[in-house]
Amino acid sequence: MNLLLIIVAVIAVVLLVTGGFIHSLNFLVWVGIVLAIIAVIVFLVRVITGRRSI
């Protein structure tokens, strides 16, 4: 699960940067924001529940 969270965060950052530089691909900013929010929610759930496995 840690690896998946890192991958989602990296994809979110890449999409945010790409969407910011290329105005015609503005929807990538929204995709990046959604992925970043999902990554934060998963991280918070793991911290709150204290689960460390998978």
PDB file of N, CA and C in Angstrom:
ATOM      1  N   MET A   1       0.825  -1.192   0.000  1.00  0.00           N
ATOM      2  CA  MET A   1       0.000   0.000   0.000  1.00  0.00           C
ATOM      3  C   MET A   1       0.866   1.251   0.000  1.00  0.00           C
ATOM      4  N   ASN A   2       2.015   1.178   0.663  1.00  0.00           N
ATOM      5  CA  ASN A   2       2.910   2.329   0.686  1.00  0.00           C
ATOM      6  C   ASN A   2       3.383   2.683  -0.710  1.00  0.00           C
ATOM      7  N   LEU A   3       3.740   1.668  -1.490  1.00  0.00           N
ATOM      8  CA  LEU A   3       4.212   1.887  -2.844  1.00  0.00           C
ATOM      9  C   LEU A   3       3.121   2.499  -3.704  1.00  0.00           C
ATOM     10  N   LEU A   4       1.899   2.005  -3.550  1.00  0.00           N
ATOM     11  CA  LEU A   4       0.767   2.540  -4.304  1.00  0.00           C
ATOM     12  C   LEU A   4       0.524   4.005  -3.947  1.00  0.00           C
ATOM     13  N   LEU A   5       0.623   4.338  -2.678  1.00  0.00           N
ATOM     14  CA  LEU A   5       0.429   5.716  -2.232  1.00  0.00           C
ATOM     15  C   LEU A   5       1.508   6.633  -2.817  1.00  0.00           C
ATOM     16  N   ILE A   6       2.733   6.172  -2.852  1.00  0.00           N
ATOM     17  CA  ILE A   6       3.826   6.969  -3.415  1.00  0.00           C
ATOM     18  C   ILE A   6       3.616   7.172  -4.910  1.00  0.00           C
ATOM     19  N   ILE A   7       3.207   6.115  -5.610  1.00  0.00           N
ATOM     20  CA  ILE A   7       2.975   6.215  -7.053  1.00  0.00           C
ATOM     21  C   ILE A   7       1.855   7.203  -7.353  1.00  0.00           C
ATOM     22  N   VAL A   8       0.756   7.131  -6.601  1.00  0.00           N
ATOM     23  CA  VAL A   8      -0.369   8.051  -6.815  1.00  0.00           C
ATOM     24  C   VAL A   8       0.066   9.489  -6.545  1.00  0.00           C
ATOM     25  N   ALA A   9       0.858   9.711  -5.509  1.00  0.00           N
ATOM     26  CA  ALA A   9       1.323  11.059  -5.193  1.00  0.00           C
ATOM     27  C   ALA A   9       2.224  11.605  -6.292  1.00  0.00           C
ATOM     28  N   VAL A  10       3.115  10.781  -6.808  1.00  0.00           N
ATOM     29  CA  VAL A  10       4.021  11.222  -7.870  1.00  0.00           C
ATOM     30  C   VAL A  10       3.237  11.548  -9.142  1.00  0.00           C
ATOM     31  N   ILE A  11       2.277  10.699  -9.488  1.00  0.00           N
ATOM     32  CA  ILE A  11       1.440  10.961 -10.666  1.00  0.00           C
ATOM     33  C   ILE A  11       0.663  12.255 -10.485  1.00  0.00           C
ATOM     34  N   ALA A  12       0.161  12.489  -9.279  1.00  0.00           N
ATOM     35  CA  ALA A  12      -0.588  13.712  -9.018  1.00  0.00           C
ATOM     36  C   ALA A  12       0.290  14.943  -9.223  1.00  0.00           C
ATOM     37  N   VAL A  13       1.507  14.902  -8.720  1.00  0.00           N
ATOM     38  CA  VAL A  13       2.413  16.042  -8.871  1.00  0.00           C
ATOM     39  C   VAL A  13       2.763  16.261 -10.342  1.00  0.00           C
ATOM     40  N   VAL A  14       3.049  15.183 -11.059  1.00  0.00           N
ATOM     41  CA  VAL A  14       3.390  15.303 -12.481  1.00  0.00           C
ATOM     42  C   VAL A  14       2.221  15.905 -13.253  1.00  0.00           C
ATOM     43  N   LEU A  15       1.013  15.444 -12.989  1.00  0.00           N
ATOM     44  CA  LEU A  15      -0.151  15.971 -13.696  1.00  0.00           C
ATOM     45  C   LEU A  15      -0.408  17.434 -13.342  1.00  0.00           C
ATOM     46  N   LEU A  16      -0.180  17.793 -12.085  1.00  0.00           N
ATOM     47  CA  LEU A  16      -0.354  19.194 -11.687  1.00  0.00           C
ATOM     48  C   LEU A  16       0.637  20.095 -12.419  1.00  0.00           C
ATOM     49  N   VAL A  17       1.887  19.672 -12.485  1.00  0.00           N
ATOM     50  CA  VAL A  17       2.915  20.476 -13.165  1.00  0.00           C
ATOM     51  C   VAL A  17       2.622  20.549 -14.656  1.00  0.00           C
ATOM     52  N   THR A  18       2.310  19.403 -15.264  1.00  0.00           N
ATOM     53  CA  THR A  18       2.025  19.374 -16.698  1.00  0.00           C
ATOM     54  C   THR A  18       0.811  20.232 -17.025  1.00  0.00           C
ATOM     55  N   GLY A  19      -0.229  20.112 -16.243  1.00  0.00           N
ATOM     56  CA  GLY A  19      -1.437  20.898 -16.474  1.00  0.00           C
ATOM     57  C   GLY A  19      -1.204  22.383 -16.268  1.00  0.00           C
ATOM     58  N   GLY A  20      -0.290  22.726 -15.386  1.00  0.00           N
ATOM     59  CA  GLY A  20       0.016  24.134 -15.155  1.00  0.00           C
ATOM     60  C   GLY A  20       0.793  24.757 -16.304  1.00  0.00           C
ATOM     61  N   PHE A  21       1.685  23.989 -16.926  1.00  0.00           N
ATOM     62  CA  PHE A  21       2.503  24.522 -18.014  1.00  0.00           C
ATOM     63  C   PHE A  21       1.773  24.531 -19.345  1.00  0.00           C
ATOM     64  N   ILE A  22       0.915  23.569 -19.558  1.00  0.00           N
ATOM     65  CA  ILE A  22       0.217  23.456 -20.838  1.00  0.00           C
ATOM     66  C   ILE A  22      -1.239  23.832 -20.617  1.00  0.00           C
ATOM     67  N   HIS A  23      -1.601  25.029 -21.017  1.00  0.00           N
ATOM     68  CA  HIS A  23      -2.923  25.552 -20.737  1.00  0.00           C
ATOM     69  C   HIS A  23      -4.019  24.743 -21.424  1.00  0.00           C
ATOM     70  N   SER A  24      -3.743  24.184 -22.584  1.00  0.00           N
ATOM     71  CA  SER A  24      -4.767  23.439 -23.303  1.00  0.00           C
ATOM     72  C   SER A  24      -5.101  22.118 -22.615  1.00  0.00           C
ATOM     73  N   LEU A  25      -4.235  21.645 -21.739  1.00  0.00           N
ATOM     74  CA  LEU A  25      -4.495  20.413 -21.001  1.00  0.00           C
ATOM     75  C   LEU A  25      -4.893  20.731 -19.556  1.00  0.00           C
ATOM     76  N   ASN A  26      -5.742  21.712 -19.402  1.00  0.00           N
ATOM     77  CA  ASN A  26      -6.129  22.203 -18.078  1.00  0.00           C
ATOM     78  C   ASN A  26      -6.813  21.126 -17.243  1.00  0.00           C
ATOM     79  N   PHE A  27      -7.457  20.160 -17.896  1.00  0.00           N
ATOM     80  CA  PHE A  27      -8.140  19.118 -17.135  1.00  0.00           C
ATOM     81  C   PHE A  27      -7.158  18.284 -16.313  1.00  0.00           C
ATOM     82  N   LEU A  28      -5.886  18.258 -16.712  1.00  0.00           N
ATOM     83  CA  LEU A  28      -4.890  17.504 -15.953  1.00  0.00           C
ATOM     84  C   LEU A  28      -4.694  18.090 -14.555  1.00  0.00           C
ATOM     85  N   VAL A  29      -4.902  19.381 -14.428  1.00  0.00           N
ATOM     86  CA  VAL A  29      -4.805  19.997 -13.102  1.00  0.00           C
ATOM     87  C   VAL A  29      -5.859  19.395 -12.189  1.00  0.00           C
ATOM     88  N   TRP A  30      -7.070  19.236 -12.708  1.00  0.00           N
ATOM     89  CA  TRP A  30      -8.151  18.676 -11.893  1.00  0.00           C
ATOM     90  C   TRP A  30      -7.897  17.212 -11.583  1.00  0.00           C
ATOM     91  N   VAL A  31      -7.381  16.460 -12.545  1.00  0.00           N
ATOM     92  CA  VAL A  31      -7.050  15.055 -12.299  1.00  0.00           C
ATOM     93  C   VAL A  31      -5.963  14.965 -11.226  1.00  0.00           C
ATOM     94  N   GLY A  32      -4.971  15.835 -11.311  1.00  0.00           N
ATOM     95  CA  GLY A  32      -3.910  15.854 -10.312  1.00  0.00           C
ATOM     96  C   GLY A  32      -4.416  16.196  -8.926  1.00  0.00           C
ATOM     97  N   ILE A  33      -5.323  17.156  -8.852  1.00  0.00           N
ATOM     98  CA  ILE A  33      -5.907  17.540  -7.566  1.00  0.00           C
ATOM     99  C   ILE A  33      -6.689  16.378  -6.969  1.00  0.00           C
ATOM    100  N   VAL A  34      -7.485  15.694  -7.792  1.00  0.00           N
ATOM    101  CA  VAL A  34      -8.272  14.563  -7.307  1.00  0.00           C
ATOM    102  C   VAL A  34      -7.352  13.447  -6.813  1.00  0.00           C
ATOM    103  N   LEU A  35      -6.300  13.141  -7.567  1.00  0.00           N
ATOM    104  CA  LEU A  35      -5.363  12.103  -7.135  1.00  0.00           C
ATOM    105  C   LEU A  35      -4.638  12.497  -5.853  1.00  0.00           C
ATOM    106  N   ALA A  36      -4.297  13.771  -5.729  1.00  0.00           N
ATOM    107  CA  ALA A  36      -3.633  14.234  -4.504  1.00  0.00           C
ATOM    108  C   ALA A  36      -4.561  14.108  -3.299  1.00  0.00           C
ATOM    109  N   ILE A  37      -5.826  14.450  -3.491  1.00  0.00           N
ATOM    110  CA  ILE A  37      -6.805  14.335  -2.405  1.00  0.00           C
ATOM    111  C   ILE A  37      -6.984  12.876  -2.007  1.00  0.00           C
ATOM    112  N   ILE A  38      -7.047  11.977  -3.001  1.00  0.00           N
ATOM    113  CA  ILE A  38      -7.190  10.553  -2.694  1.00  0.00           C
ATOM    114  C   ILE A  38      -5.969  10.060  -1.919  1.00  0.00           C
ATOM    115  N   ALA A  39      -4.778  10.485  -2.335  1.00  0.00           N
ATOM    116  CA  ALA A  39      -3.556  10.070  -1.635  1.00  0.00           C
ATOM    117  C   ALA A  39      -3.546  10.569  -0.190  1.00  0.00           C
ATOM    118  N   VAL A  40      -3.987  11.801   0.029  1.00  0.00           N
ATOM    119  CA  VAL A  40      -4.036  12.355   1.389  1.00  0.00           C
ATOM    120  C   VAL A  40      -5.057  11.605   2.231  1.00  0.00           C
ATOM    121  N   ILE A  41      -6.221  11.289   1.664  1.00  0.00           N
ATOM    122  CA  ILE A  41      -7.245  10.560   2.412  1.00  0.00           C
ATOM    123  C   ILE A  41      -6.737   9.175   2.807  1.00  0.00           C
ATOM    124  N   VAL A  42      -6.093   8.474   1.866  1.00  0.00           N
ATOM    125  CA  VAL A  42      -5.562   7.148   2.176  1.00  0.00           C
ATOM    126  C   VAL A  42      -4.493   7.247   3.259  1.00  0.00           C
ATOM    127  N   PHE A  43      -3.631   8.244   3.169  1.00  0.00           N
ATOM    128  CA  PHE A  43      -2.596   8.433   4.180  1.00  0.00           C
ATOM    129  C   PHE A  43      -3.209   8.702   5.552  1.00  0.00           C
ATOM    130  N   LEU A  44      -4.205   9.586   5.608  1.00  0.00           N
ATOM    131  CA  LEU A  44      -4.836   9.904   6.885  1.00  0.00           C
ATOM    132  C   LEU A  44      -5.558   8.702   7.475  1.00  0.00           C
ATOM    133  N   VAL A  45      -6.226   7.925   6.649  1.00  0.00           N
ATOM    134  CA  VAL A  45      -6.910   6.723   7.145  1.00  0.00           C
ATOM    135  C   VAL A  45      -5.900   5.741   7.719  1.00  0.00           C
ATOM    136  N   ARG A  46      -4.761   5.594   7.038  1.00  0.00           N
ATOM    137  CA  ARG A  46      -3.739   4.677   7.553  1.00  0.00           C
ATOM    138  C   ARG A  46      -3.145   5.187   8.856  1.00  0.00           C
ATOM    139  N   VAL A  47      -2.961   6.498   8.982  1.00  0.00           N
ATOM    140  CA  VAL A  47      -2.399   7.049  10.218  1.00  0.00           C
ATOM    141  C   VAL A  47      -3.399   6.934  11.365  1.00  0.00           C
ATOM    142  N   ILE A  48      -4.661   7.241  11.083  1.00  0.00           N
ATOM    143  CA  ILE A  48      -5.672   7.226  12.131  1.00  0.00           C
ATOM    144  C   ILE A  48      -5.938   5.801  12.613  1.00  0.00           C
ATOM    145  N   THR A  49      -6.057   4.852  11.679  1.00  0.00           N
ATOM    146  CA  THR A  49      -6.354   3.480  12.083  1.00  0.00           C
ATOM    147  C   THR A  49      -5.123   2.747  12.591  1.00  0.00           C
ATOM    148  N   GLY A  50      -3.933   3.247  12.265  1.00  0.00           N
ATOM    149  CA  GLY A  50      -2.711   2.625  12.747  1.00  0.00           C
ATOM    150  C   GLY A  50      -2.348   1.356  12.017  1.00  0.00           C
ATOM    151  N   ARG A  51      -2.940   1.131  10.850  1.00  0.00           N
ATOM    152  CA  ARG A  51      -2.642  -0.091  10.089  1.00  0.00           C
ATOM    153  C   ARG A  51      -1.296   0.071   9.392  1.00  0.00           C
ATOM    154  N   ARG A  52      -0.457  -0.931   9.539  1.00  0.00           N
ATOM    155  CA  ARG A  52       0.853  -0.897   8.895  1.00  0.00           C
ATOM    156  C   ARG A  52       1.018  -2.034   7.897  1.00  0.00           C
ATOM    157  N   SER A  53       0.055  -2.932   7.836  1.00  0.00           N
ATOM    158  CA  SER A  53       0.182  -4.066   6.921  1.00  0.00           C
ATOM    159  C   SER A  53      -0.518  -3.750   5.604  1.00  0.00           C
ATOM    160  N   ILE A  54       0.072  -4.229   4.533  1.00  0.00           N
ATOM    161  CA  ILE A  54      -0.446  -4.072   3.148  1.00  0.00           C
ATOM    162  C   ILE A  54      -1.132  -2.809   2.935  1.00  0.00           C
TER     163      ILE A  54
END
